[in-house]
Protein backbone atom coordinates (compact mmCIF):
# COMPACT_ATOMS: atom_id res chain seq x y z
CA MET A 1 75.48 7.06 -74.97
CA ASN A 2 78.28 8.46 -72.79
CA LYS A 3 75.97 11.21 -71.65
CA LYS A 4 73.36 8.65 -70.61
CA ILE A 5 75.97 6.65 -68.64
CA SER A 6 77.11 9.83 -66.90
CA VAL A 7 73.55 10.62 -65.86
CA ILE A 8 73.08 7.10 -64.52
CA GLN A 9 76.34 7.37 -62.52
CA GLU A 10 75.30 10.69 -61.04
CA THR A 11 71.95 9.20 -60.07
CA ILE A 12 73.62 6.24 -58.36
CA CYS A 13 76.01 8.54 -56.46
CA ALA A 14 73.11 10.69 -55.32
CA CYS A 15 71.20 7.64 -54.09
CA LEU A 16 74.24 6.37 -52.22
CA ALA A 17 74.71 9.75 -50.57
CA VAL A 18 71.08 9.79 -49.47
CA LEU A 19 71.40 6.29 -48.03
CA LEU A 20 74.62 7.21 -46.24
CA PHE A 21 73.18 10.30 -44.58
CA ALA A 22 69.96 8.49 -43.80
CA HIS A 23 71.90 5.89 -41.82
CA LEU A 24 74.36 8.29 -40.20
CA PRO A 25 72.25 9.12 -37.09
CA PHE A 26 71.67 5.42 -36.54
CA GLY A 27 75.41 4.77 -36.82
CA VAL A 28 76.25 7.49 -34.27
CA THR A 29 73.58 6.19 -31.90
CA SER A 30 74.94 2.65 -32.28
CA VAL A 31 78.45 3.79 -31.38
CA GLN A 32 77.16 5.61 -28.32
CA ALA A 33 75.12 2.59 -27.31
CA GLN A 34 78.17 0.36 -27.79
CA GLN A 35 80.29 2.65 -25.63
CA SER A 36 77.60 2.60 -22.97
CA GLN A 37 77.40 -1.17 -23.18
CA ASN A 38 81.19 -1.51 -22.98
CA ARG A 39 81.11 0.50 -19.79
CA PHE A 40 78.91 -2.28 -18.40
CA ASN A 41 77.63 0.01 -15.71
CA LEU A 42 80.58 0.25 -13.34
CA VAL A 43 78.34 -0.23 -10.31
CA GLU A 44 76.93 -3.46 -11.75
CA LYS A 45 80.45 -4.66 -12.41
CA ILE A 46 81.51 -3.84 -8.84
CA GLN A 47 78.40 -5.52 -7.47
CA HIS A 48 79.11 -8.63 -9.55
CA PHE A 49 82.77 -8.97 -8.60
CA PHE A 50 82.63 -7.96 -4.94
CA PHE A 51 79.12 -8.66 -3.69
CA GLY A 52 78.13 -11.74 -5.66
CA THR A 53 78.63 -15.39 -4.76
CA ARG A 54 82.29 -16.05 -4.11
CA SER A 55 84.20 -19.27 -4.60
CA ILE A 56 87.19 -17.76 -2.77
CA GLY A 57 87.64 -14.98 -0.28
CA THR A 58 84.86 -16.10 2.05
CA PRO A 59 85.78 -15.72 5.73
CA THR A 60 86.58 -19.00 7.47
CA GLY A 61 88.19 -20.00 10.74
CA ARG A 62 89.63 -17.05 12.65
CA GLN A 63 88.09 -14.60 10.16
CA ARG A 64 84.53 -15.41 11.25
CA GLY A 65 84.68 -12.83 14.00
CA GLY A 66 84.93 -10.00 11.47
CA ALA A 67 82.26 -7.31 11.55
CA VAL A 68 81.60 -4.27 9.37
CA ARG A 69 79.51 -2.36 11.93
CA GLY A 70 80.13 -1.24 15.50
CA ARG A 71 78.35 1.09 17.87
CA CYS A 72 79.22 3.42 20.72
CA SER A 73 76.29 2.78 23.05
CA LYS A 74 76.41 6.31 24.46
CA LEU A 75 76.73 8.01 21.07
CA GLY A 76 74.08 6.20 19.06
CA ASN A 77 75.01 5.81 15.38
CA GLN A 78 77.16 2.96 14.11
CA ILE A 79 80.58 3.14 12.54
CA ILE A 80 80.78 1.24 9.25
CA ALA A 81 83.75 -0.33 7.50
CA LEU A 82 83.37 0.46 3.79
CA VAL A 83 84.14 -3.03 2.54
CA PRO A 84 82.04 -5.76 0.89
CA SER A 85 80.45 -8.22 3.28
CA THR A 86 78.20 -11.26 3.46
CA LYS A 87 74.49 -11.03 4.26
CA GLU A 88 75.49 -11.55 7.88
CA ARG A 89 77.71 -8.44 7.61
CA THR A 90 80.90 -10.42 7.86
CA PRO A 91 83.61 -8.85 5.66
CA PHE A 92 85.16 -10.93 2.92
CA VAL A 93 88.90 -11.54 2.78
CA GLU A 94 89.85 -8.91 0.19
CA GLN A 95 92.96 -8.99 -1.97
CA THR A 96 95.31 -6.06 -2.53
CA ILE A 97 98.43 -5.44 -4.59
CA ASN A 98 99.28 -2.34 -2.58
CA GLU A 99 102.17 -2.39 -0.12
CA ARG A 100 100.23 -0.02 2.13
CA PRO A 101 96.54 0.09 1.17
CA THR A 102 94.15 2.87 2.16
CA PHE A 103 91.24 1.99 4.47
CA TRP A 104 87.79 3.59 4.39
CA PHE A 105 85.20 3.97 7.15
CA TYR A 106 82.07 5.88 8.04
CA VAL A 107 82.46 7.41 11.51
CA PRO A 108 79.56 9.52 12.86
CA TYR A 109 81.60 10.79 15.83
CA SER A 110 84.32 13.37 16.40
CA GLU A 111 86.53 14.61 19.21
CA ILE A 112 87.14 11.10 20.50
CA ASN A 113 90.19 8.87 20.12
CA ALA A 114 90.38 5.99 17.68
CA GLU A 115 92.73 3.06 17.32
CA PHE A 116 93.85 1.23 14.19
CA VAL A 117 95.67 -2.10 14.49
CA MET A 118 96.96 -4.60 11.94
CA ILE A 119 97.82 -8.17 12.95
CA ASN A 120 99.84 -10.52 10.73
CA SER A 121 99.22 -14.19 9.98
CA GLN A 122 101.35 -15.17 12.99
CA ASN A 123 98.87 -13.29 15.18
CA LYS A 124 101.46 -10.63 16.02
CA ALA A 125 100.87 -6.89 15.90
CA PHE A 126 102.18 -5.56 12.58
CA TYR A 127 101.11 -1.97 13.13
CA ALA A 128 99.16 -0.06 15.77
CA THR A 129 98.40 3.58 16.43
CA THR A 130 95.95 5.75 18.35
CA PHE A 131 94.81 9.11 16.97
CA LEU A 132 92.21 11.77 17.61
CA LEU A 133 89.11 11.92 15.42
CA ASN A 134 89.22 15.70 15.20
CA LYS A 135 87.58 16.31 11.82
CA GLN A 136 83.99 16.37 10.68
CA PRO A 137 81.95 13.20 11.27
CA GLY A 138 81.33 11.19 8.12
CA ILE A 139 83.48 9.27 5.66
CA ILE A 140 87.15 8.97 6.56
CA GLU A 141 90.15 7.41 4.85
CA LEU A 142 93.11 6.08 6.77
CA LYS A 143 96.51 6.18 5.09
CA LEU A 144 99.27 3.99 6.50
CA PRO A 145 102.62 5.70 7.08
CA GLN A 146 105.34 5.11 4.50
CA THR A 147 107.75 4.38 7.35
CA ILE A 148 106.26 0.99 8.17
CA PRO A 149 107.38 -2.16 6.32
CA PRO A 150 105.31 -3.10 3.26
CA LEU A 151 102.73 -5.84 3.58
CA GLN A 152 104.27 -9.17 2.68
CA GLN A 153 102.98 -10.86 -0.46
CA SER A 154 100.75 -13.93 0.00
CA ASN A 155 100.25 -13.04 3.68
CA GLU A 156 96.93 -12.28 5.34
CA TYR A 157 96.53 -9.36 7.74
CA ARG A 158 93.69 -8.70 10.11
CA TRP A 159 92.79 -5.05 10.66
CA VAL A 160 90.82 -3.65 13.58
CA PHE A 161 89.44 -0.11 13.73
CA SER A 162 88.03 1.05 17.07
CA ALA A 163 86.34 4.24 18.16
CA ILE A 164 87.22 4.60 21.85
CA CYS A 165 83.86 5.57 23.29
CA ASP A 166 84.94 5.45 26.94
CA PRO A 167 88.71 5.46 27.65
CA LYS A 168 88.01 4.06 31.13
CA ASN A 169 86.11 1.09 29.72
CA ARG A 170 87.49 -0.25 26.43
CA ALA A 171 84.81 -2.91 26.41
CA THR A 172 82.47 -0.18 25.14
CA ASP A 173 84.57 0.51 22.01
CA ALA A 174 82.78 0.62 18.66
CA ILE A 175 84.79 -1.94 16.67
CA VAL A 176 84.90 -3.05 13.03
CA ASN A 177 87.41 -5.49 11.65
CA GLY A 178 88.26 -7.61 8.65
CA THR A 179 91.01 -9.38 6.74
CA LEU A 180 93.03 -8.62 3.64
CA LYS A 181 95.67 -10.49 1.69
CA ARG A 182 98.44 -8.94 -0.37
CA ILE A 183 98.99 -10.72 -3.67
CA PRO A 184 101.65 -10.19 -6.37
CA ILE A 185 100.52 -8.00 -9.26
CA ASN A 186 99.58 -9.79 -12.46
CA PRO A 187 102.11 -8.82 -15.20
CA GLU A 188 99.29 -8.21 -17.69
CA LEU A 189 97.49 -5.94 -15.23
CA ASN A 190 100.73 -4.12 -14.51
CA ASN A 191 101.16 -3.34 -18.21
CA GLN A 192 97.53 -2.26 -18.62
CA LEU A 193 97.73 0.13 -15.67
CA LYS A 194 100.71 1.95 -17.19
CA THR A 195 98.62 3.35 -20.05
CA ALA A 196 95.15 3.37 -18.47
CA SER A 197 93.30 6.52 -17.45
CA ALA A 198 92.11 6.80 -13.86
CA GLN A 199 88.60 5.72 -14.87
CA GLU A 200 90.00 2.75 -16.80
CA GLN A 201 92.08 1.83 -13.77
CA VAL A 202 88.92 1.57 -11.66
CA SER A 203 87.54 -1.00 -14.10
CA LEU A 204 90.83 -2.90 -14.22
CA TYR A 205 91.02 -3.08 -10.44
CA THR A 206 87.41 -4.22 -10.28
CA GLU A 207 87.92 -6.96 -12.87
CA ASN A 208 90.95 -8.17 -10.92
CA LYS A 209 88.95 -8.22 -7.65
CA LEU A 210 91.08 -5.61 -5.89
CA TRP A 211 88.66 -3.82 -3.58
CA TYR A 212 90.99 -1.38 -1.83
CA GLU A 213 92.43 -0.16 -5.13
CA THR A 214 88.95 0.07 -6.69
CA LEU A 215 87.43 2.22 -3.95
CA THR A 216 90.46 4.46 -3.47
CA THR A 217 90.93 5.12 -7.18
CA LEU A 218 87.21 5.76 -7.67
CA SER A 219 87.35 8.28 -4.82
CA GLU A 220 90.23 10.07 -6.55
CA VAL A 221 88.34 10.22 -9.84
CA GLN A 222 85.26 11.58 -8.08
CA TYR A 223 87.34 14.15 -6.22
CA ASN A 224 89.17 15.29 -9.36
CA GLU A 225 86.04 15.41 -11.54
CA PRO A 226 83.35 16.88 -9.27
CA GLN A 227 81.25 17.99 -12.25
CA ASN A 228 81.14 14.49 -13.79
CA ALA A 229 77.57 13.41 -13.03
CA GLN A 230 78.17 9.76 -13.98
CA ILE A 231 81.22 9.39 -11.76
CA LYS A 232 79.40 11.15 -8.93
CA ALA A 233 76.49 8.72 -9.28
CA ASP A 234 78.85 5.72 -9.44
CA TRP A 235 80.62 6.84 -6.26
CA ALA A 236 77.32 7.34 -4.42
CA ASN A 237 75.95 3.97 -5.56
CA VAL A 238 79.11 2.11 -4.55
CA LEU A 239 78.98 3.71 -1.10
CA HIS A 240 75.35 2.62 -0.88
CA LEU A 241 76.42 -0.95 -1.71
CA VAL A 242 78.73 -1.01 1.32
CA GLY A 243 75.99 0.25 3.62
CA LEU A 244 76.57 3.98 3.85
CA PRO A 245 73.34 5.72 5.00
CA GLN A 246 71.66 7.76 2.27
CA ASP A 247 71.66 10.97 4.32
CA VAL A 248 75.46 11.02 4.75
CA PRO A 249 77.38 13.58 2.61
CA GLN A 250 79.15 11.50 -0.02
CA THR A 251 81.36 13.93 -1.91
CA THR A 252 83.55 14.98 1.03
CA TRP A 253 85.62 12.99 3.46
CA ALA A 254 88.38 13.44 6.01
CA THR A 255 91.84 12.02 5.45
CA TYR A 256 93.96 10.80 8.35
CA SER A 257 97.58 10.06 7.49
CA LEU A 258 98.50 7.71 10.29
CA SER A 259 101.82 7.60 12.06
CA ASN A 260 103.26 6.27 15.28
CA SER A 261 103.22 9.82 16.62
CA ASN A 262 99.46 10.09 16.09
CA GLU A 263 99.87 12.74 13.41
CA ASN A 264 96.94 13.26 11.07
CA THR A 265 96.78 15.71 8.23
CA ARG A 266 94.70 17.17 5.44
CA ASN A 267 90.96 17.46 5.19
CA HIS A 268 89.13 17.41 1.83
């Protein structure tokens, strides 16, 4: 009798093992699918949070004059502010938690001067500098100097970026402009960022509707992981969302570290 029970137990164990291994590929596939689903396609998430219908952050009043494209009539191609905008190409009022956010543009010109100005909510100049566009045409990032005061929380700032097409006639400048508002960081977000990877930070910034942090951090991930095909595709698709022409090189850009002495530095 004991021998019969032992045989039955061995048979049951064998059947269970077969069932387990038979379902193992499905289980692995399910985990992978779940991970893919949890990612929720970063580009879709960015499109949803920054380019969808907004209940807040829509330009009103003095912000209506904002524009994300400007053209030097003598030089042809347009400069583009790499920010979300309405169908009429009016930039939204974006939020930031950064004391000195980084700004991104597409500039198809070089060897001409440019001007970057920030105006506070009292309509007074907060920061202004002129510098030479002396690097390759294409994507550029502008870094504010650490010597200027931090943006004040709950205040709106209007930024204006101009390519000076003809120094004798500033009316011909190619101009793009928009508005941002610095907000205090959410304590929960602050805690999450402390342990998050760079890729996770991109998602956190997106979910908290922080455009400047989203784009800048995504650029850093793309720069640090050039062989990551998914990140490379995400970066390219996000740039396409903000209107970057398809034929523009997307994996390189020029960095201008702004200062009152018109100093600009490294090039990627």
